[in-house]
Structures are given as C-alpha cells and as structure tokens.
Amino acid sequence: MFPRLYAVLDGSILGPAVEASAQKLIAAGVRLFQYRHKKASSRQLFTVCQNLSRNMKAAEARFVVNDRCDIARLTASGGVHLGQEDLDPKEARAIVGGESWVGLSTHTLGEVEAAATTTADYIAIGPIFPTISKEGARPPVGLGLIREARKITDKPLVAIGGITLETAPEALAAGADSVAVIRDLIEAADVGARARQYLEVLRAL
C-alpha cells in the first residue's frame, strides 16, 4: 500500500535541522520522504542526501530526491521526483534503476493523462490549495482535479500544495492515495507529534 503520508523535507525551510527533523519523523512512523532544496549546490545536495538515504534505509523508509536523478543514483536513494521540465520518467529510470520510484508532478488534467501513460510509479497533483512553500507556485487546482484524475488512472495519486491536518482527509476522500505535506508538518513546534496526528487521522480513512 502506498504510504498515506509523504513528508517533504524542504532544505530552504529546515536548513541544518533537516536530518534531525527527519529522525523525529522516522521515529513517529513516517515511511516516505522527499528532500528538496532548489538553491543548494550539488555538493550540498549530495552530502545531505547521502546521510538521509543511509538513515532512511536503516529505518526501512523510502527516500526520494527532488529533480536530481544523478544525486539519487549516487546516494542509492529510493527514487526521484520529477517536474514537468525535468527528464522523462523513462529516461530518469534508466539513471536511478528499476527498483527506484519515479514520481511526476502534474498541474492539469492533460498532464495527468500524459503521466498516466509513462512509467512513473506515482503522480503528484497540485497545488491543491494555496501554498507559499514553493516560489512561483501555480494557482491552486482544487480537489476537482484529483477526482478527475482518479477516473483515468490507477497509479497512486499524491495530493500536494497547502495540505494541512484539516484538509488532508478531503484530499483522500477526493481520490488521492497520499498527501504530501511540507510546512504544516516540518514547521510544527513538535514535528514528531504533528506527524503522529497525521498518521492517526489518515489511517482512520
């Protein structure tokens, strides 16, 4: 079963606290993570991802690198998450390997339809709600896009963008398999406690 909670560790928000935050989330029971840091150098990305990958494997959690197939391969991570301007999923898989997951972001029904024909392991849809976690974020697409996407693909759907503890159940009710959470999770006063709240709510659905 695809994990209901997908924790996105944003390096621009967490800074040097990323590894400590990841450990708290692992201890809370989170088993799917993505690391992204759009402004980090390749060396910085490699070092952080190498440490995260090692720790995730020890906890039997899956760790996905945002955008960078090369970093994912070099750090033996569990996958890569691609945007619309990145490599095609087939090309990415040739780099990261067949056992790794390849995720793809989509923002329109047309992009979902195209993603459904690729080798992507899961499709992210968003932003569902208004978000400030990503510079230049697109206008929210709403829950309706998840409902439409669910009709055309059996691939796991991940709702992302402005997800909170209160709205996460709405995303799953609309047809999402998982919710990717950034600020409402990693900026919590107690990251571990917040993760446990999410897991409790999502497991009940």
N, C-alpha and C. Protein backbone atom coordinates (compact mmCIF):
# COMPACT_ATOMS: atom_id res chain seq x y z
N MET A 1 0.84 -1.20 0.00
CA MET A 1 0.00 0.00 0.00
C MET A 1 0.88 1.25 0.00
N PHE A 2 0.51 2.22 -0.82
CA PHE A 2 1.27 3.46 -0.90
C PHE A 2 1.09 4.22 0.42
N PRO A 3 2.18 4.70 1.04
CA PRO A 3 2.06 5.41 2.32
C PRO A 3 1.11 6.61 2.24
N ARG A 4 0.24 6.75 3.22
CA ARG A 4 -0.72 7.84 3.21
C ARG A 4 -0.06 9.20 3.44
N LEU A 5 1.03 9.21 4.18
CA LEU A 5 1.72 10.47 4.48
C LEU A 5 3.07 10.51 3.79
N TYR A 6 3.28 11.57 3.02
CA TYR A 6 4.51 11.78 2.26
C TYR A 6 5.13 13.07 2.78
N ALA A 7 6.18 12.93 3.57
CA ALA A 7 6.82 14.09 4.19
C ALA A 7 7.83 14.71 3.25
N VAL A 8 7.67 16.00 2.96
CA VAL A 8 8.61 16.71 2.11
C VAL A 8 9.52 17.56 2.98
N LEU A 9 10.79 17.22 2.98
CA LEU A 9 11.79 17.94 3.75
C LEU A 9 12.37 19.03 2.86
N ASP A 10 11.99 20.25 3.12
CA ASP A 10 12.44 21.38 2.31
C ASP A 10 13.66 22.01 2.98
N GLY A 11 14.80 21.89 2.30
CA GLY A 11 16.03 22.40 2.86
C GLY A 11 16.05 23.90 3.07
N SER A 12 15.31 24.64 2.24
CA SER A 12 15.28 26.10 2.40
C SER A 12 14.52 26.51 3.64
N ILE A 13 13.68 25.62 4.16
CA ILE A 13 12.93 25.89 5.40
C ILE A 13 13.66 25.33 6.61
N LEU A 14 14.14 24.09 6.48
CA LEU A 14 14.75 23.41 7.62
C LEU A 14 16.21 23.76 7.84
N GLY A 15 16.92 24.10 6.76
CA GLY A 15 18.33 24.41 6.91
C GLY A 15 19.09 23.24 7.51
N PRO A 16 20.00 23.51 8.47
CA PRO A 16 20.81 22.43 9.06
C PRO A 16 20.00 21.47 9.94
N ALA A 17 18.74 21.78 10.18
CA ALA A 17 17.91 20.92 11.04
C ALA A 17 17.26 19.78 10.27
N VAL A 18 17.56 19.65 9.00
CA VAL A 18 16.86 18.67 8.17
C VAL A 18 17.04 17.24 8.67
N GLU A 19 18.25 16.87 9.03
CA GLU A 19 18.48 15.48 9.44
C GLU A 19 17.85 15.18 10.79
N ALA A 20 17.91 16.15 11.69
CA ALA A 20 17.28 15.96 13.00
C ALA A 20 15.77 15.85 12.85
N SER A 21 15.20 16.67 11.98
CA SER A 21 13.75 16.62 11.74
C SER A 21 13.36 15.29 11.12
N ALA A 22 14.19 14.81 10.19
CA ALA A 22 13.91 13.52 9.56
C ALA A 22 13.90 12.40 10.59
N GLN A 23 14.82 12.44 11.52
CA GLN A 23 14.87 11.40 12.56
C GLN A 23 13.62 11.42 13.42
N LYS A 24 13.13 12.60 13.74
CA LYS A 24 11.91 12.71 14.54
C LYS A 24 10.71 12.15 13.77
N LEU A 25 10.67 12.41 12.47
CA LEU A 25 9.56 11.92 11.65
C LEU A 25 9.63 10.41 11.49
N ILE A 26 10.83 9.89 11.34
CA ILE A 26 11.01 8.43 11.26
C ILE A 26 10.52 7.78 12.56
N ALA A 27 10.94 8.35 13.68
CA ALA A 27 10.54 7.81 14.98
C ALA A 27 9.02 7.85 15.17
N ALA A 28 8.38 8.83 14.53
CA ALA A 28 6.92 8.96 14.64
C ALA A 28 6.19 7.95 13.76
N GLY A 29 6.91 7.35 12.81
CA GLY A 29 6.29 6.35 11.96
C GLY A 29 6.17 6.71 10.49
N VAL A 30 6.70 7.86 10.08
CA VAL A 30 6.65 8.26 8.67
C VAL A 30 7.60 7.36 7.87
N ARG A 31 7.14 6.90 6.70
CA ARG A 31 7.95 5.97 5.93
C ARG A 31 8.15 6.38 4.47
N LEU A 32 7.76 7.59 4.12
CA LEU A 32 8.01 8.10 2.77
C LEU A 32 8.43 9.56 2.84
N PHE A 33 9.59 9.85 2.28
CA PHE A 33 10.17 11.19 2.38
C PHE A 33 10.67 11.67 1.02
N GLN A 34 10.67 12.98 0.89
CA GLN A 34 11.33 13.62 -0.25
C GLN A 34 12.17 14.77 0.28
N TYR A 35 13.36 14.92 -0.27
CA TYR A 35 14.19 16.07 0.08
C TYR A 35 14.31 16.97 -1.13
N ARG A 36 14.06 18.26 -0.90
CA ARG A 36 14.25 19.22 -1.98
C ARG A 36 14.91 20.47 -1.43
N HIS A 37 15.80 21.02 -2.22
CA HIS A 37 16.46 22.27 -1.87
C HIS A 37 16.92 22.89 -3.18
N LYS A 38 16.07 23.73 -3.73
CA LYS A 38 16.30 24.28 -5.06
C LYS A 38 17.58 25.12 -5.16
N LYS A 39 18.03 25.69 -4.04
CA LYS A 39 19.16 26.61 -4.09
C LYS A 39 20.46 26.00 -3.60
N ALA A 40 20.44 24.74 -3.24
CA ALA A 40 21.66 24.10 -2.74
C ALA A 40 22.60 23.76 -3.88
N SER A 41 23.86 23.74 -3.59
CA SER A 41 24.85 23.32 -4.59
C SER A 41 24.79 21.80 -4.73
N SER A 42 25.38 21.29 -5.79
CA SER A 42 25.40 19.84 -6.00
C SER A 42 26.11 19.14 -4.84
N ARG A 43 27.17 19.73 -4.35
CA ARG A 43 27.91 19.13 -3.23
C ARG A 43 27.05 19.09 -1.97
N GLN A 44 26.35 20.18 -1.70
CA GLN A 44 25.47 20.21 -0.52
C GLN A 44 24.37 19.16 -0.65
N LEU A 45 23.77 19.09 -1.82
CA LEU A 45 22.71 18.11 -2.05
C LEU A 45 23.23 16.69 -1.85
N PHE A 46 24.38 16.41 -2.39
CA PHE A 46 24.95 15.07 -2.28
C PHE A 46 25.17 14.69 -0.82
N THR A 47 25.75 15.59 -0.07
CA THR A 47 26.07 15.29 1.33
C THR A 47 24.82 15.03 2.16
N VAL A 48 23.83 15.93 2.02
CA VAL A 48 22.59 15.77 2.79
C VAL A 48 21.84 14.51 2.35
N CYS A 49 21.73 14.31 1.05
CA CYS A 49 21.00 13.15 0.55
C CYS A 49 21.69 11.84 0.91
N GLN A 50 23.00 11.84 0.93
CA GLN A 50 23.73 10.64 1.32
C GLN A 50 23.40 10.25 2.76
N ASN A 51 23.38 11.25 3.65
CA ASN A 51 23.06 10.99 5.05
C ASN A 51 21.60 10.57 5.22
N LEU A 52 20.71 11.27 4.53
CA LEU A 52 19.29 10.93 4.64
C LEU A 52 19.02 9.53 4.09
N SER A 53 19.61 9.22 2.96
CA SER A 53 19.42 7.90 2.36
C SER A 53 19.87 6.80 3.30
N ARG A 54 21.01 6.99 3.93
CA ARG A 54 21.54 5.99 4.86
C ARG A 54 20.58 5.80 6.04
N ASN A 55 20.11 6.90 6.59
CA ASN A 55 19.22 6.82 7.75
C ASN A 55 17.86 6.23 7.39
N MET A 56 17.35 6.56 6.21
CA MET A 56 16.06 6.04 5.78
C MET A 56 16.12 4.53 5.58
N LYS A 57 17.21 4.06 4.99
CA LYS A 57 17.35 2.62 4.76
C LYS A 57 17.37 1.86 6.08
N ALA A 58 18.06 2.43 7.06
CA ALA A 58 18.14 1.77 8.36
C ALA A 58 16.76 1.65 8.99
N ALA A 59 15.87 2.60 8.67
CA ALA A 59 14.52 2.60 9.23
C ALA A 59 13.50 1.95 8.30
N GLU A 60 13.99 1.41 7.17
CA GLU A 60 13.12 0.80 6.16
C GLU A 60 12.08 1.79 5.64
N ALA A 61 12.52 3.04 5.49
CA ALA A 61 11.68 4.09 4.90
C ALA A 61 12.20 4.38 3.50
N ARG A 62 11.32 4.88 2.65
CA ARG A 62 11.74 5.21 1.28
C ARG A 62 12.06 6.70 1.19
N PHE A 63 13.20 6.99 0.58
CA PHE A 63 13.67 8.36 0.44
C PHE A 63 13.80 8.73 -1.03
N VAL A 64 13.15 9.81 -1.42
CA VAL A 64 13.10 10.26 -2.80
C VAL A 64 13.78 11.63 -2.92
N VAL A 65 14.60 11.80 -3.93
CA VAL A 65 15.29 13.06 -4.17
C VAL A 65 14.52 13.88 -5.18
N ASN A 66 14.35 15.16 -4.92
CA ASN A 66 13.65 16.04 -5.85
C ASN A 66 14.55 16.40 -7.04
N ASP A 67 14.03 16.17 -8.25
CA ASP A 67 14.66 16.62 -9.50
C ASP A 67 15.92 15.87 -9.94
N ARG A 68 16.84 15.65 -9.02
CA ARG A 68 18.19 15.24 -9.40
C ARG A 68 18.39 13.73 -9.46
N CYS A 69 18.26 13.20 -10.67
CA CYS A 69 18.46 11.76 -10.88
C CYS A 69 19.88 11.34 -10.53
N ASP A 70 20.85 12.20 -10.85
CA ASP A 70 22.24 11.85 -10.59
C ASP A 70 22.51 11.72 -9.10
N ILE A 71 21.96 12.65 -8.32
CA ILE A 71 22.15 12.60 -6.87
C ILE A 71 21.44 11.37 -6.29
N ALA A 72 20.25 11.09 -6.80
CA ALA A 72 19.52 9.91 -6.33
C ALA A 72 20.31 8.64 -6.58
N ARG A 73 20.91 8.53 -7.75
CA ARG A 73 21.70 7.35 -8.10
C ARG A 73 22.96 7.26 -7.24
N LEU A 74 23.67 8.37 -7.12
CA LEU A 74 24.94 8.36 -6.38
C LEU A 74 24.76 8.07 -4.90
N THR A 75 23.62 8.45 -4.34
CA THR A 75 23.38 8.25 -2.92
C THR A 75 22.54 7.01 -2.63
N ALA A 76 22.27 6.22 -3.68
CA ALA A 76 21.49 4.98 -3.54
C ALA A 76 20.16 5.25 -2.85
N SER A 77 19.52 6.34 -3.26
CA SER A 77 18.23 6.70 -2.69
C SER A 77 17.13 5.83 -3.28
N GLY A 78 15.93 5.98 -2.74
CA GLY A 78 14.83 5.13 -3.16
C GLY A 78 14.04 5.66 -4.34
N GLY A 79 14.48 6.78 -4.91
CA GLY A 79 13.76 7.30 -6.05
C GLY A 79 14.04 8.75 -6.33
N VAL A 80 13.34 9.26 -7.33
CA VAL A 80 13.48 10.66 -7.73
C VAL A 80 12.10 11.20 -8.05
N HIS A 81 11.89 12.47 -7.75
CA HIS A 81 10.62 13.12 -8.07
C HIS A 81 10.87 14.18 -9.13
N LEU A 82 10.13 14.09 -10.22
CA LEU A 82 10.36 14.96 -11.37
C LEU A 82 9.28 16.01 -11.55
N GLY A 83 9.70 17.16 -12.10
CA GLY A 83 8.76 18.19 -12.51
C GLY A 83 8.51 18.07 -14.01
N GLN A 84 7.64 18.92 -14.51
CA GLN A 84 7.30 18.87 -15.93
C GLN A 84 8.47 19.24 -16.83
N GLU A 85 9.44 19.97 -16.31
CA GLU A 85 10.58 20.38 -17.12
C GLU A 85 11.78 19.46 -16.96
N ASP A 86 11.64 18.43 -16.15
CA ASP A 86 12.75 17.52 -15.90
C ASP A 86 12.77 16.39 -16.93
N LEU A 87 13.61 15.40 -16.71
CA LEU A 87 13.69 14.26 -17.61
C LEU A 87 12.37 13.51 -17.68
N ASP A 88 12.16 12.82 -18.78
CA ASP A 88 11.01 11.92 -18.90
C ASP A 88 11.21 10.77 -17.90
N PRO A 89 10.11 10.24 -17.32
CA PRO A 89 10.25 9.14 -16.36
C PRO A 89 11.07 7.96 -16.88
N LYS A 90 10.94 7.63 -18.16
CA LYS A 90 11.70 6.51 -18.71
C LYS A 90 13.19 6.82 -18.70
N GLU A 91 13.53 8.05 -19.05
CA GLU A 91 14.94 8.46 -19.04
C GLU A 91 15.48 8.48 -17.61
N ALA A 92 14.63 8.98 -16.69
CA ALA A 92 15.05 9.04 -15.29
C ALA A 92 15.29 7.65 -14.72
N ARG A 93 14.41 6.71 -15.08
CA ARG A 93 14.54 5.36 -14.56
C ARG A 93 15.82 4.68 -15.05
N ALA A 94 16.24 5.05 -16.25
CA ALA A 94 17.48 4.50 -16.78
C ALA A 94 18.67 4.91 -15.93
N ILE A 95 18.53 6.04 -15.24
CA ILE A 95 19.61 6.54 -14.38
C ILE A 95 19.49 5.98 -12.96
N VAL A 96 18.29 6.05 -12.38
CA VAL A 96 18.14 5.68 -10.97
C VAL A 96 17.98 4.18 -10.76
N GLY A 97 17.60 3.44 -11.79
CA GLY A 97 17.46 2.00 -11.66
C GLY A 97 16.02 1.54 -11.52
N GLY A 98 15.80 0.31 -11.87
CA GLY A 98 14.45 -0.23 -11.90
C GLY A 98 13.78 -0.39 -10.55
N GLU A 99 14.56 -0.50 -9.49
CA GLU A 99 13.98 -0.68 -8.16
C GLU A 99 13.57 0.65 -7.52
N SER A 100 14.01 1.73 -8.08
CA SER A 100 13.71 3.05 -7.54
C SER A 100 12.35 3.55 -8.03
N TRP A 101 11.73 4.37 -7.23
CA TRP A 101 10.48 5.00 -7.63
C TRP A 101 10.78 6.25 -8.45
N VAL A 102 9.91 6.50 -9.40
CA VAL A 102 9.95 7.75 -10.17
C VAL A 102 8.58 8.40 -10.04
N GLY A 103 8.56 9.59 -9.44
CA GLY A 103 7.32 10.34 -9.29
C GLY A 103 7.30 11.51 -10.24
N LEU A 104 6.10 11.95 -10.62
CA LEU A 104 5.98 13.04 -11.59
C LEU A 104 4.92 14.04 -11.13
N SER A 105 5.28 15.31 -11.11
CA SER A 105 4.34 16.38 -10.75
C SER A 105 3.46 16.74 -11.93
N THR A 106 2.17 16.98 -11.65
CA THR A 106 1.24 17.43 -12.69
C THR A 106 0.37 18.56 -12.12
N HIS A 107 -0.16 19.37 -13.04
CA HIS A 107 -0.94 20.53 -12.62
C HIS A 107 -2.24 20.68 -13.40
N THR A 108 -2.41 19.87 -14.43
CA THR A 108 -3.62 19.94 -15.26
C THR A 108 -4.06 18.52 -15.58
N LEU A 109 -5.29 18.39 -16.04
CA LEU A 109 -5.78 17.06 -16.40
C LEU A 109 -5.00 16.50 -17.58
N GLY A 110 -4.62 17.37 -18.51
CA GLY A 110 -3.82 16.92 -19.65
C GLY A 110 -2.48 16.35 -19.21
N GLU A 111 -1.86 16.98 -18.22
CA GLU A 111 -0.58 16.47 -17.72
C GLU A 111 -0.78 15.15 -16.99
N VAL A 112 -1.89 15.02 -16.28
CA VAL A 112 -2.19 13.75 -15.62
C VAL A 112 -2.37 12.64 -16.65
N GLU A 113 -3.10 12.94 -17.70
CA GLU A 113 -3.33 11.95 -18.77
C GLU A 113 -2.01 11.52 -19.39
N ALA A 114 -1.13 12.48 -19.61
CA ALA A 114 0.18 12.15 -20.19
C ALA A 114 1.00 11.32 -19.20
N ALA A 115 0.97 11.71 -17.93
CA ALA A 115 1.74 10.99 -16.90
C ALA A 115 1.26 9.56 -16.75
N ALA A 116 -0.03 9.36 -16.94
CA ALA A 116 -0.61 8.02 -16.79
C ALA A 116 -0.07 7.04 -17.82
N THR A 117 0.44 7.55 -18.93
CA THR A 117 0.96 6.68 -19.99
C THR A 117 2.46 6.42 -19.84
N THR A 118 3.09 7.06 -18.86
CA THR A 118 4.53 6.90 -18.65
C THR A 118 4.79 5.76 -17.67
N THR A 119 6.06 5.55 -17.38
CA THR A 119 6.45 4.53 -16.40
C THR A 119 6.52 5.09 -14.98
N ALA A 120 6.02 6.29 -14.77
CA ALA A 120 6.04 6.88 -13.42
C ALA A 120 5.33 5.96 -12.44
N ASP A 121 5.90 5.83 -11.25
CA ASP A 121 5.31 4.98 -10.21
C ASP A 121 4.15 5.66 -9.50
N TYR A 122 4.19 6.99 -9.44
CA TYR A 122 3.09 7.74 -8.83
C TYR A 122 3.01 9.11 -9.48
N ILE A 123 1.84 9.72 -9.35
CA ILE A 123 1.59 11.04 -9.94
C ILE A 123 1.20 12.01 -8.84
N ALA A 124 1.94 13.10 -8.73
CA ALA A 124 1.59 14.14 -7.77
C ALA A 124 0.74 15.19 -8.48
N ILE A 125 -0.27 15.67 -7.78
CA ILE A 125 -1.19 16.67 -8.34
C ILE A 125 -1.23 17.89 -7.42
N GLY A 126 -1.09 19.08 -8.01
CA GLY A 126 -1.15 20.26 -7.16
C GLY A 126 -0.73 21.53 -7.88
N PRO A 127 -0.72 22.63 -7.15
CA PRO A 127 -1.11 22.70 -5.75
C PRO A 127 -2.63 22.59 -5.57
N ILE A 128 -3.04 21.77 -4.62
CA ILE A 128 -4.46 21.60 -4.37
C ILE A 128 -5.06 22.84 -3.73
N PHE A 129 -4.34 23.37 -2.76
CA PHE A 129 -4.76 24.58 -2.06
C PHE A 129 -3.66 25.65 -2.20
N PRO A 130 -3.95 26.89 -1.88
CA PRO A 130 -2.91 27.93 -1.94
C PRO A 130 -1.70 27.54 -1.08
N THR A 131 -0.50 27.82 -1.58
CA THR A 131 0.71 27.45 -0.85
C THR A 131 1.78 28.52 -1.00
N ILE A 132 2.62 28.62 0.03
CA ILE A 132 3.75 29.54 -0.04
C ILE A 132 5.06 28.76 0.08
N SER A 133 4.97 27.43 -0.01
CA SER A 133 6.16 26.60 0.16
C SER A 133 7.04 26.54 -1.09
N LYS A 134 6.51 27.01 -2.20
CA LYS A 134 7.28 26.95 -3.45
C LYS A 134 7.22 28.29 -4.15
N GLU A 135 8.40 28.80 -4.51
CA GLU A 135 8.45 30.08 -5.20
C GLU A 135 7.77 29.96 -6.57
N GLY A 136 6.98 30.98 -6.90
CA GLY A 136 6.31 30.97 -8.19
C GLY A 136 5.28 29.87 -8.33
N ALA A 137 4.67 29.49 -7.21
CA ALA A 137 3.69 28.40 -7.23
C ALA A 137 2.52 28.76 -8.14
N ARG A 138 1.98 27.76 -8.81
CA ARG A 138 0.83 27.94 -9.68
C ARG A 138 -0.42 28.18 -8.86
N PRO A 139 -1.49 28.67 -9.49
CA PRO A 139 -2.77 28.83 -8.78
C PRO A 139 -3.28 27.46 -8.35
N PRO A 140 -3.99 27.38 -7.23
CA PRO A 140 -4.49 26.08 -6.77
C PRO A 140 -5.44 25.44 -7.77
N VAL A 141 -5.32 24.12 -7.92
CA VAL A 141 -6.14 23.40 -8.88
C VAL A 141 -7.40 22.82 -8.23
N GLY A 142 -7.40 22.73 -6.91
CA GLY A 142 -8.59 22.26 -6.20
C GLY A 142 -8.73 20.75 -6.19
N LEU A 143 -9.68 20.29 -5.39
CA LEU A 143 -9.91 18.86 -5.24
C LEU A 143 -10.52 18.23 -6.49
N GLY A 144 -11.15 19.06 -7.32
CA GLY A 144 -11.79 18.54 -8.52
C GLY A 144 -10.82 17.84 -9.45
N LEU A 145 -9.59 18.32 -9.52
CA LEU A 145 -8.61 17.69 -10.40
C LEU A 145 -8.26 16.29 -9.91
N ILE A 146 -8.23 16.10 -8.60
CA ILE A 146 -7.97 14.76 -8.07
C ILE A 146 -9.11 13.82 -8.48
N ARG A 147 -10.33 14.30 -8.35
CA ARG A 147 -11.49 13.47 -8.72
C ARG A 147 -11.44 13.05 -10.19
N GLU A 148 -11.08 14.00 -11.05
CA GLU A 148 -11.00 13.71 -12.48
C GLU A 148 -9.83 12.76 -12.77
N ALA A 149 -8.72 12.99 -12.09
CA ALA A 149 -7.54 12.15 -12.29
C ALA A 149 -7.82 10.71 -11.87
N ARG A 150 -8.56 10.55 -10.80
CA ARG A 150 -8.87 9.22 -10.30
C ARG A 150 -9.64 8.38 -11.32
N LYS A 151 -10.38 9.06 -12.19
CA LYS A 151 -11.18 8.36 -13.19
C LYS A 151 -10.35 7.80 -14.34
N ILE A 152 -9.13 8.35 -14.52
CA ILE A 152 -8.37 7.98 -15.71
C ILE A 152 -7.09 7.19 -15.42
N THR A 153 -6.76 7.00 -14.15
CA THR A 153 -5.54 6.23 -13.87
C THR A 153 -5.66 5.47 -12.56
N ASP A 154 -5.00 4.32 -12.52
CA ASP A 154 -4.91 3.53 -11.30
C ASP A 154 -3.59 3.77 -10.58
N LYS A 155 -2.74 4.60 -11.16
CA LYS A 155 -1.47 4.91 -10.50
C LYS A 155 -1.76 5.64 -9.18
N PRO A 156 -0.91 5.46 -8.18
CA PRO A 156 -1.09 6.21 -6.93
C PRO A 156 -1.06 7.72 -7.19
N LEU A 157 -2.00 8.43 -6.58
CA LEU A 157 -2.07 9.89 -6.70
C LEU A 157 -1.68 10.53 -5.38
N VAL A 158 -0.81 11.52 -5.47
CA VAL A 158 -0.34 12.24 -4.29
C VAL A 158 -0.82 13.68 -4.38
N ALA A 159 -1.61 14.11 -3.41
CA ALA A 159 -2.07 15.50 -3.36
C ALA A 159 -1.01 16.34 -2.66
N ILE A 160 -0.67 17.47 -3.27
CA ILE A 160 0.36 18.34 -2.69
C ILE A 160 -0.05 19.80 -2.84
N GLY A 161 0.40 20.62 -1.92
CA GLY A 161 0.15 22.06 -2.00
C GLY A 161 -0.88 22.53 -1.01
N GLY A 162 -0.42 23.16 0.06
CA GLY A 162 -1.33 23.72 1.05
C GLY A 162 -2.05 22.69 1.90
N ILE A 163 -1.55 21.46 1.92
CA ILE A 163 -2.20 20.42 2.71
C ILE A 163 -1.98 20.66 4.20
N THR A 164 -3.06 20.55 4.97
CA THR A 164 -2.99 20.67 6.42
C THR A 164 -3.66 19.46 7.06
N LEU A 165 -3.56 19.37 8.36
CA LEU A 165 -4.20 18.26 9.07
C LEU A 165 -5.70 18.27 8.84
N GLU A 166 -6.26 19.47 8.68
CA GLU A 166 -7.70 19.59 8.49
C GLU A 166 -8.13 19.24 7.06
N THR A 167 -7.28 19.54 6.07
CA THR A 167 -7.67 19.31 4.68
C THR A 167 -7.20 17.98 4.12
N ALA A 168 -6.27 17.33 4.80
CA ALA A 168 -5.76 16.05 4.31
C ALA A 168 -6.87 15.03 4.07
N PRO A 169 -7.84 14.88 4.99
CA PRO A 169 -8.92 13.91 4.74
C PRO A 169 -9.73 14.23 3.48
N GLU A 170 -9.88 15.53 3.17
CA GLU A 170 -10.62 15.92 1.97
C GLU A 170 -9.91 15.43 0.72
N ALA A 171 -8.58 15.50 0.73
CA ALA A 171 -7.80 15.06 -0.43
C ALA A 171 -7.95 13.56 -0.64
N LEU A 172 -7.92 12.80 0.44
CA LEU A 172 -8.08 11.35 0.30
C LEU A 172 -9.50 11.00 -0.12
N ALA A 173 -10.47 11.73 0.40
CA ALA A 173 -11.86 11.47 0.03
C ALA A 173 -12.09 11.76 -1.46
N ALA A 174 -11.31 12.69 -2.01
CA ALA A 174 -11.45 13.03 -3.43
C ALA A 174 -10.81 12.00 -4.34
N GLY A 175 -9.99 11.11 -3.77
CA GLY A 175 -9.39 10.06 -4.58
C GLY A 175 -7.88 9.94 -4.47
N ALA A 176 -7.24 10.81 -3.70
CA ALA A 176 -5.79 10.72 -3.54
C ALA A 176 -5.43 9.52 -2.67
N ASP A 177 -4.29 8.93 -2.95
CA ASP A 177 -3.79 7.81 -2.14
C ASP A 177 -2.91 8.31 -1.00
N SER A 178 -2.38 9.51 -1.17
CA SER A 178 -1.41 10.03 -0.22
C SER A 178 -1.45 11.55 -0.23
N VAL A 179 -0.98 12.16 0.86
CA VAL A 179 -0.85 13.62 0.91
C VAL A 179 0.61 13.97 1.19
N ALA A 180 1.15 14.86 0.38
CA ALA A 180 2.50 15.36 0.59
C ALA A 180 2.39 16.64 1.41
N VAL A 181 3.05 16.66 2.54
CA VAL A 181 2.92 17.79 3.47
C VAL A 181 4.28 18.42 3.71
N ILE A 182 4.28 19.73 3.69
CA ILE A 182 5.54 20.45 3.90
C ILE A 182 5.44 21.28 5.18
N ARG A 183 5.00 22.52 5.06
CA ARG A 183 5.05 23.44 6.19
C ARG A 183 4.22 22.99 7.39
N ASP A 184 3.04 22.47 7.15
CA ASP A 184 2.19 22.09 8.28
C ASP A 184 2.80 20.95 9.09
N LEU A 185 3.79 20.32 8.53
CA LEU A 185 4.47 19.22 9.22
C LEU A 185 5.83 19.67 9.76
N ILE A 186 6.68 20.16 8.89
CA ILE A 186 8.06 20.43 9.32
C ILE A 186 8.23 21.74 10.09
N GLU A 187 7.22 22.61 10.05
CA GLU A 187 7.30 23.83 10.84
C GLU A 187 6.54 23.72 12.15
N ALA A 188 6.02 22.55 12.46
CA ALA A 188 5.29 22.35 13.72
C ALA A 188 6.24 22.49 14.90
N ALA A 189 5.69 22.95 16.02
CA ALA A 189 6.51 23.09 17.22
C ALA A 189 7.08 21.75 17.65
N ASP A 190 6.30 20.69 17.48
CA ASP A 190 6.75 19.33 17.77
C ASP A 190 6.51 18.49 16.52
N VAL A 191 7.55 18.33 15.72
CA VAL A 191 7.43 17.67 14.43
C VAL A 191 6.93 16.24 14.58
N GLY A 192 7.46 15.53 15.55
CA GLY A 192 7.06 14.15 15.76
C GLY A 192 5.60 14.02 16.15
N ALA A 193 5.16 14.88 17.04
CA ALA A 193 3.77 14.84 17.49
C ALA A 193 2.82 15.17 16.33
N ARG A 194 3.22 16.13 15.50
CA ARG A 194 2.39 16.50 14.36
C ARG A 194 2.28 15.33 13.38
N ALA A 195 3.37 14.66 13.15
CA ALA A 195 3.36 13.51 12.26
C ALA A 195 2.44 12.42 12.79
N ARG A 196 2.49 12.18 14.09
CA ARG A 196 1.62 11.16 14.68
C ARG A 196 0.15 11.53 14.54
N GLN A 197 -0.14 12.83 14.61
CA GLN A 197 -1.52 13.29 14.40
C GLN A 197 -1.97 12.95 12.97
N TYR A 198 -1.11 13.26 12.02
CA TYR A 198 -1.43 12.96 10.62
C TYR A 198 -1.66 11.47 10.42
N LEU A 199 -0.75 10.67 10.92
CA LEU A 199 -0.85 9.23 10.72
C LEU A 199 -2.12 8.66 11.34
N GLU A 200 -2.47 9.18 12.49
CA GLU A 200 -3.68 8.70 13.16
C GLU A 200 -4.93 9.05 12.33
N VAL A 201 -4.97 10.29 11.85
CA VAL A 201 -6.13 10.72 11.06
C VAL A 201 -6.20 9.96 9.73
N LEU A 202 -5.08 9.80 9.06
CA LEU A 202 -5.06 9.17 7.74
C LEU A 202 -5.33 7.67 7.81
N ARG A 203 -4.88 7.04 8.85
CA ARG A 203 -5.13 5.60 9.00
C ARG A 203 -6.60 5.29 9.22
N ALA A 204 -7.30 6.26 9.76
CA ALA A 204 -8.72 6.05 10.07
C ALA A 204 -9.61 6.16 8.84
N LEU A 205 -9.04 6.62 7.71
CA LEU A 205 -9.83 6.84 6.50
C LEU A 205 -9.85 5.61 5.61
